[in-house]
N, C-alpha and C. Protein backbone atom coordinates (compact mmCIF):
# COMPACT_ATOMS: atom_id res chain seq x y z
N MET A 1 0.56 -1.23 -0.25
CA MET A 1 0.04 0.24 0.13
C MET A 1 0.86 1.46 -0.13
N SER A 2 0.40 2.47 -0.75
CA SER A 2 1.31 3.78 -0.92
C SER A 2 0.83 4.36 0.18
N GLN A 3 1.74 4.84 0.70
CA GLN A 3 1.68 6.03 1.65
C GLN A 3 1.09 7.47 0.85
N GLN A 4 -0.10 7.93 1.51
CA GLN A 4 -0.65 9.24 0.96
C GLN A 4 0.28 10.78 1.62
N LEU A 5 0.56 11.91 0.88
CA LEU A 5 0.99 12.54 1.83
C LEU A 5 -0.07 13.13 2.06
N ASP A 6 -0.02 14.24 3.27
CA ASP A 6 -0.72 14.81 4.03
C ASP A 6 -0.99 16.45 3.02
N PRO A 7 -2.13 16.39 2.72
CA PRO A 7 -2.23 17.63 1.91
C PRO A 7 -2.60 19.12 3.05
N PHE A 8 -2.85 18.83 3.98
CA PHE A 8 -2.30 20.14 5.08
C PHE A 8 -0.85 20.16 6.19
N GLN A 9 -0.03 19.25 5.36
CA GLN A 9 0.82 19.25 6.06
C GLN A 9 1.72 20.20 5.46
N ARG A 10 2.39 21.25 6.15
CA ARG A 10 2.98 22.56 5.34
C ARG A 10 4.82 21.75 4.97
N GLN A 11 4.87 22.61 3.38
CA GLN A 11 6.36 22.20 3.08
C GLN A 11 7.27 22.04 3.95
N GLY A 12 8.13 21.23 4.27
CA GLY A 12 9.61 21.34 4.98
C GLY A 12 9.00 20.89 6.40
N THR A 13 8.31 20.45 7.05
CA THR A 13 7.42 20.00 8.04
C THR A 13 7.65 18.40 8.08
N LEU A 14 7.83 17.69 9.35
CA LEU A 14 8.10 16.59 9.32
C LEU A 14 7.05 15.77 9.69
N PRO A 15 6.80 14.37 8.89
CA PRO A 15 6.00 13.76 8.70
C PRO A 15 5.53 13.01 10.19
N LEU A 16 4.34 12.83 10.08
CA LEU A 16 3.45 11.87 11.86
C LEU A 16 3.77 10.75 11.57
N ASP A 17 4.18 10.22 12.78
CA ASP A 17 3.77 8.58 12.84
C ASP A 17 2.60 8.08 12.94
N ASN A 18 2.11 6.86 12.97
CA ASN A 18 0.51 6.92 13.36
C ASN A 18 -0.07 6.64 14.52
N THR A 19 0.93 7.10 15.53
CA THR A 19 0.66 7.71 16.53
C THR A 19 0.20 9.20 16.46
N GLY A 20 0.71 9.92 15.60
CA GLY A 20 0.43 11.58 16.31
C GLY A 20 1.72 12.29 16.35
N ALA A 21 2.75 11.39 16.86
CA ALA A 21 3.95 12.07 16.90
C ALA A 21 4.76 12.46 15.56
N VAL A 22 5.70 13.42 15.58
CA VAL A 22 6.44 14.05 14.75
C VAL A 22 7.64 12.67 14.58
N SER A 23 7.79 12.24 13.00
CA SER A 23 8.59 11.27 12.97
C SER A 23 9.67 11.88 12.36
N PRO A 24 10.80 12.01 13.08
CA PRO A 24 12.08 12.36 12.08
C PRO A 24 12.73 11.52 11.10
N PRO A 25 13.42 12.08 10.15
CA PRO A 25 13.67 11.07 8.97
C PRO A 25 15.28 10.50 9.94
N LEU A 26 14.94 8.87 9.84
CA LEU A 26 16.07 7.89 10.35
C LEU A 26 17.37 8.45 9.89
N SER A 27 17.50 9.15 8.73
CA SER A 27 18.95 9.36 8.48
C SER A 27 19.38 10.43 9.54
N MET A 28 18.35 11.35 9.75
CA MET A 28 19.07 12.05 10.79
C MET A 28 19.03 11.93 12.37
N ILE A 29 18.73 10.45 12.48
CA ILE A 29 18.53 10.05 14.07
C ILE A 29 19.80 9.27 13.98
N ARG A 30 19.96 8.64 12.80
CA ARG A 30 21.85 7.65 12.84
C ARG A 30 22.64 8.14 13.24
N GLU A 31 22.62 9.85 12.45
CA GLU A 31 23.53 10.46 12.57
C GLU A 31 23.63 11.03 13.48
N ARG A 32 23.05 11.50 14.38
CA ARG A 32 23.22 12.13 15.88
C ARG A 32 23.55 10.73 17.10
N LEU A 33 22.74 9.73 16.90
CA LEU A 33 23.31 8.88 17.67
C LEU A 33 24.84 8.25 17.17
N GLY A 34 24.95 8.11 16.21
CA GLY A 34 26.21 7.67 15.64
C GLY A 34 27.24 9.05 15.99
N THR A 35 27.13 10.29 16.35
CA THR A 35 28.14 11.05 16.57
C THR A 35 28.13 10.83 18.19
N MET A 36 27.25 10.57 19.05
CA MET A 36 27.30 10.05 20.38
C MET A 36 28.16 9.27 20.81
N LEU A 37 27.57 8.07 19.78
CA LEU A 37 28.41 6.32 20.10
C LEU A 37 29.80 7.16 19.72
N ASP A 38 30.34 7.81 18.52
CA ASP A 38 31.44 8.33 18.15
C ASP A 38 32.29 8.64 19.28
N THR A 39 31.88 9.78 19.73
CA THR A 39 32.39 10.48 20.87
C THR A 39 32.54 9.27 22.12
N ALA A 40 32.00 8.48 22.15
CA ALA A 40 32.07 7.64 23.46
C ALA A 40 33.05 6.83 22.95
N ARG A 41 33.25 6.05 21.51
CA ARG A 41 34.33 5.16 21.19
C ARG A 41 35.63 5.80 21.23
N GLN A 42 36.01 7.53 20.95
CA GLN A 42 37.44 8.06 20.67
C GLN A 42 37.86 8.44 22.21
N ALA A 43 36.87 8.36 22.93
CA ALA A 43 37.11 8.81 24.48
C ALA A 43 38.26 7.89 25.58
N GLU A 44 39.32 8.54 25.74
CA GLU A 44 39.62 8.05 26.74
C GLU A 44 39.38 7.93 28.19
N HIS A 45 38.46 8.84 28.59
CA HIS A 45 37.92 9.04 29.47
C HIS A 45 36.40 9.73 29.36
N LEU A 46 35.75 9.13 30.42
CA LEU A 46 34.38 9.77 30.09
C LEU A 46 34.04 11.35 29.66
N PRO A 47 33.49 11.29 28.60
CA PRO A 47 33.00 12.97 27.84
C PRO A 47 32.03 13.55 28.50
N TRP A 48 31.55 12.96 29.51
CA TRP A 48 30.34 13.95 30.27
C TRP A 48 30.13 13.62 31.43
N THR A 49 29.94 14.26 32.52
CA THR A 49 30.10 13.97 33.58
C THR A 49 28.54 14.51 34.29
N GLY A 50 28.16 13.94 35.38
CA GLY A 50 26.96 14.25 36.11
C GLY A 50 25.93 14.41 35.24
N ARG A 51 25.01 15.25 35.15
CA ARG A 51 23.60 15.81 34.94
C ARG A 51 24.10 15.76 33.51
N ARG A 52 24.76 16.03 32.48
CA ARG A 52 25.11 15.84 31.51
C ARG A 52 25.57 14.43 30.95
N LEU A 53 25.78 13.58 31.47
CA LEU A 53 26.12 12.07 31.17
C LEU A 53 24.14 11.47 31.34
N GLU A 54 23.71 12.33 32.14
CA GLU A 54 22.19 11.14 32.21
C GLU A 54 21.74 11.78 31.43
N VAL A 55 21.61 12.96 30.86
CA VAL A 55 20.89 13.76 29.62
C VAL A 55 21.07 13.01 28.55
N ILE A 56 22.69 12.78 27.95
CA ILE A 56 22.80 12.00 27.19
C ILE A 56 22.28 10.73 27.10
N ARG A 57 22.47 9.98 28.31
CA ARG A 57 21.88 8.44 28.43
C ARG A 57 20.44 8.25 27.94
N ILE A 58 19.95 9.17 28.39
CA ILE A 58 18.35 9.55 28.20
C ILE A 58 17.97 9.27 26.89
N VAL A 59 18.73 10.86 26.02
CA VAL A 59 18.60 11.09 24.80
C VAL A 59 18.75 9.99 23.80
N PHE A 60 20.23 9.14 24.10
CA PHE A 60 20.22 8.31 23.06
C PHE A 60 19.34 7.20 23.13
N HIS A 61 19.07 6.83 24.63
CA HIS A 61 17.93 5.32 25.20
C HIS A 61 16.54 6.36 23.68
N GLN A 62 16.27 7.18 24.27
CA GLN A 62 14.77 7.61 23.58
C GLN A 62 15.17 7.80 22.20
N MET A 63 15.72 8.30 21.39
CA MET A 63 16.09 8.63 20.07
C MET A 63 16.01 7.27 19.19
N ALA A 64 17.00 6.12 19.84
CA ALA A 64 17.03 4.61 19.27
C ALA A 64 15.70 4.21 18.89
N ASN A 65 14.76 4.53 19.69
CA ASN A 65 13.37 4.31 19.66
C ASN A 65 12.89 4.36 18.22
N TRP A 66 13.34 5.62 17.49
CA TRP A 66 12.72 5.76 16.39
C TRP A 66 13.37 4.70 15.17
N LEU A 67 14.68 3.70 15.90
CA LEU A 67 14.87 3.29 14.88
C LEU A 67 14.34 1.53 14.56
N PRO A 68 14.49 0.81 13.18
CA PRO A 68 13.86 -0.52 13.37
C PRO A 68 14.65 -1.02 14.89
N ALA A 69 13.66 -2.31 15.56
CA ALA A 69 14.16 -2.77 16.45
C ALA A 69 15.77 -3.79 16.33
N PRO A 70 15.82 -4.31 15.82
CA PRO A 70 17.09 -4.86 15.77
C PRO A 70 18.68 -3.53 15.69
N GLU A 71 18.29 -3.04 14.92
CA GLU A 71 19.16 -1.77 14.52
C GLU A 71 19.47 -1.07 16.07
N ARG A 72 17.91 -0.81 16.90
CA ARG A 72 18.11 0.05 17.70
C ARG A 72 18.50 -0.61 19.15
N GLU A 73 18.41 -2.01 19.21
CA GLU A 73 19.39 -2.60 20.74
C GLU A 73 20.95 -2.81 19.94
N THR A 74 21.35 -3.26 18.33
CA THR A 74 22.65 -3.08 18.43
C THR A 74 23.19 -1.44 18.89
N MET A 75 22.33 -0.67 18.71
CA MET A 75 23.21 0.90 18.66
C MET A 75 23.04 1.01 20.44
N ARG A 76 22.23 0.26 20.93
CA ARG A 76 21.65 0.55 22.80
C ARG A 76 22.82 0.15 23.52
N ALA A 77 22.96 -1.28 22.50
CA ALA A 77 24.22 -2.34 23.57
C ALA A 77 25.70 -1.65 22.87
N GLU A 78 25.98 -1.32 21.85
CA GLU A 78 27.09 -0.90 21.89
C GLU A 78 27.42 0.24 22.35
N PHE A 79 26.70 1.50 23.02
CA PHE A 79 26.54 3.15 23.53
C PHE A 79 26.73 2.22 25.14
N LEU A 80 26.03 1.55 25.29
CA LEU A 80 26.21 1.42 26.92
C LEU A 80 27.63 0.81 27.37
N ALA A 81 28.08 -0.34 26.01
CA ALA A 81 29.24 -1.22 26.57
C ALA A 81 30.94 0.21 26.60
N GLU A 82 30.21 0.94 25.70
CA GLU A 82 31.19 2.20 25.78
C GLU A 82 31.39 3.04 26.83
N LEU A 83 30.01 3.12 27.28
CA LEU A 83 30.15 3.96 28.71
C LEU A 83 31.01 2.99 29.88
N ALA A 84 30.26 1.59 30.11
CA ALA A 84 30.72 0.94 30.92
C ALA A 84 32.73 0.85 30.67
N ARG A 85 32.82 0.73 29.52
CA ARG A 85 34.44 0.44 29.10
C ARG A 85 35.05 1.68 29.63
N LEU A 86 34.66 3.05 29.71
CA LEU A 86 34.73 4.74 30.26
C LEU A 86 34.15 4.85 32.08
N GLY A 87 33.62 3.99 32.60
CA GLY A 87 33.84 3.86 33.86
C GLY A 87 32.31 4.53 34.28
N ALA A 88 31.58 4.54 33.21
CA ALA A 88 30.39 5.02 33.75
C ALA A 88 29.66 3.87 34.65
N GLY A 89 28.55 4.62 35.39
CA GLY A 89 27.60 3.40 36.20
C GLY A 89 26.33 3.06 35.48
N PRO A 90 25.78 2.14 36.29
CA PRO A 90 24.68 1.24 34.98
C PRO A 90 23.99 2.28 35.07
N PHE A 91 23.11 2.15 34.18
CA PHE A 91 21.95 2.71 33.32
C PHE A 91 20.60 2.11 33.43
N THR A 92 19.49 2.63 34.50
CA THR A 92 17.73 1.89 33.98
C THR A 92 17.26 2.74 33.33
N PRO A 93 16.78 2.61 31.99
CA PRO A 93 16.08 3.58 31.30
C PRO A 93 14.60 3.49 32.09
C-alpha cells in the first residue's frame, strides 16, 4: 500500500507517525546517535559527567526508539558497552 501525503502538512515539516508524533528522518536519527557513539568510542575518559551524562544516556535511549528494533538494540548495546568501558555507572531506562 502506498503512503499518501498529508495535504495539510506544510512544506518542510516532518511527517507524523501512526501515533500522531512527529517522525524525524531516520538518517537524522542515525547521524545524531552515531555522533554520540563516536564521541564515546574515541574517548579515553568519560566525555560527559554528572547531569550531562544522565541527559546523554536518556536522549540516546529515547532517540533509538525511532530505529527498527534490531538496529535500535544494537546501537543501545554498543553505547552502553562504551559507557561501561569508560567507567560510567549502570543505566536503567
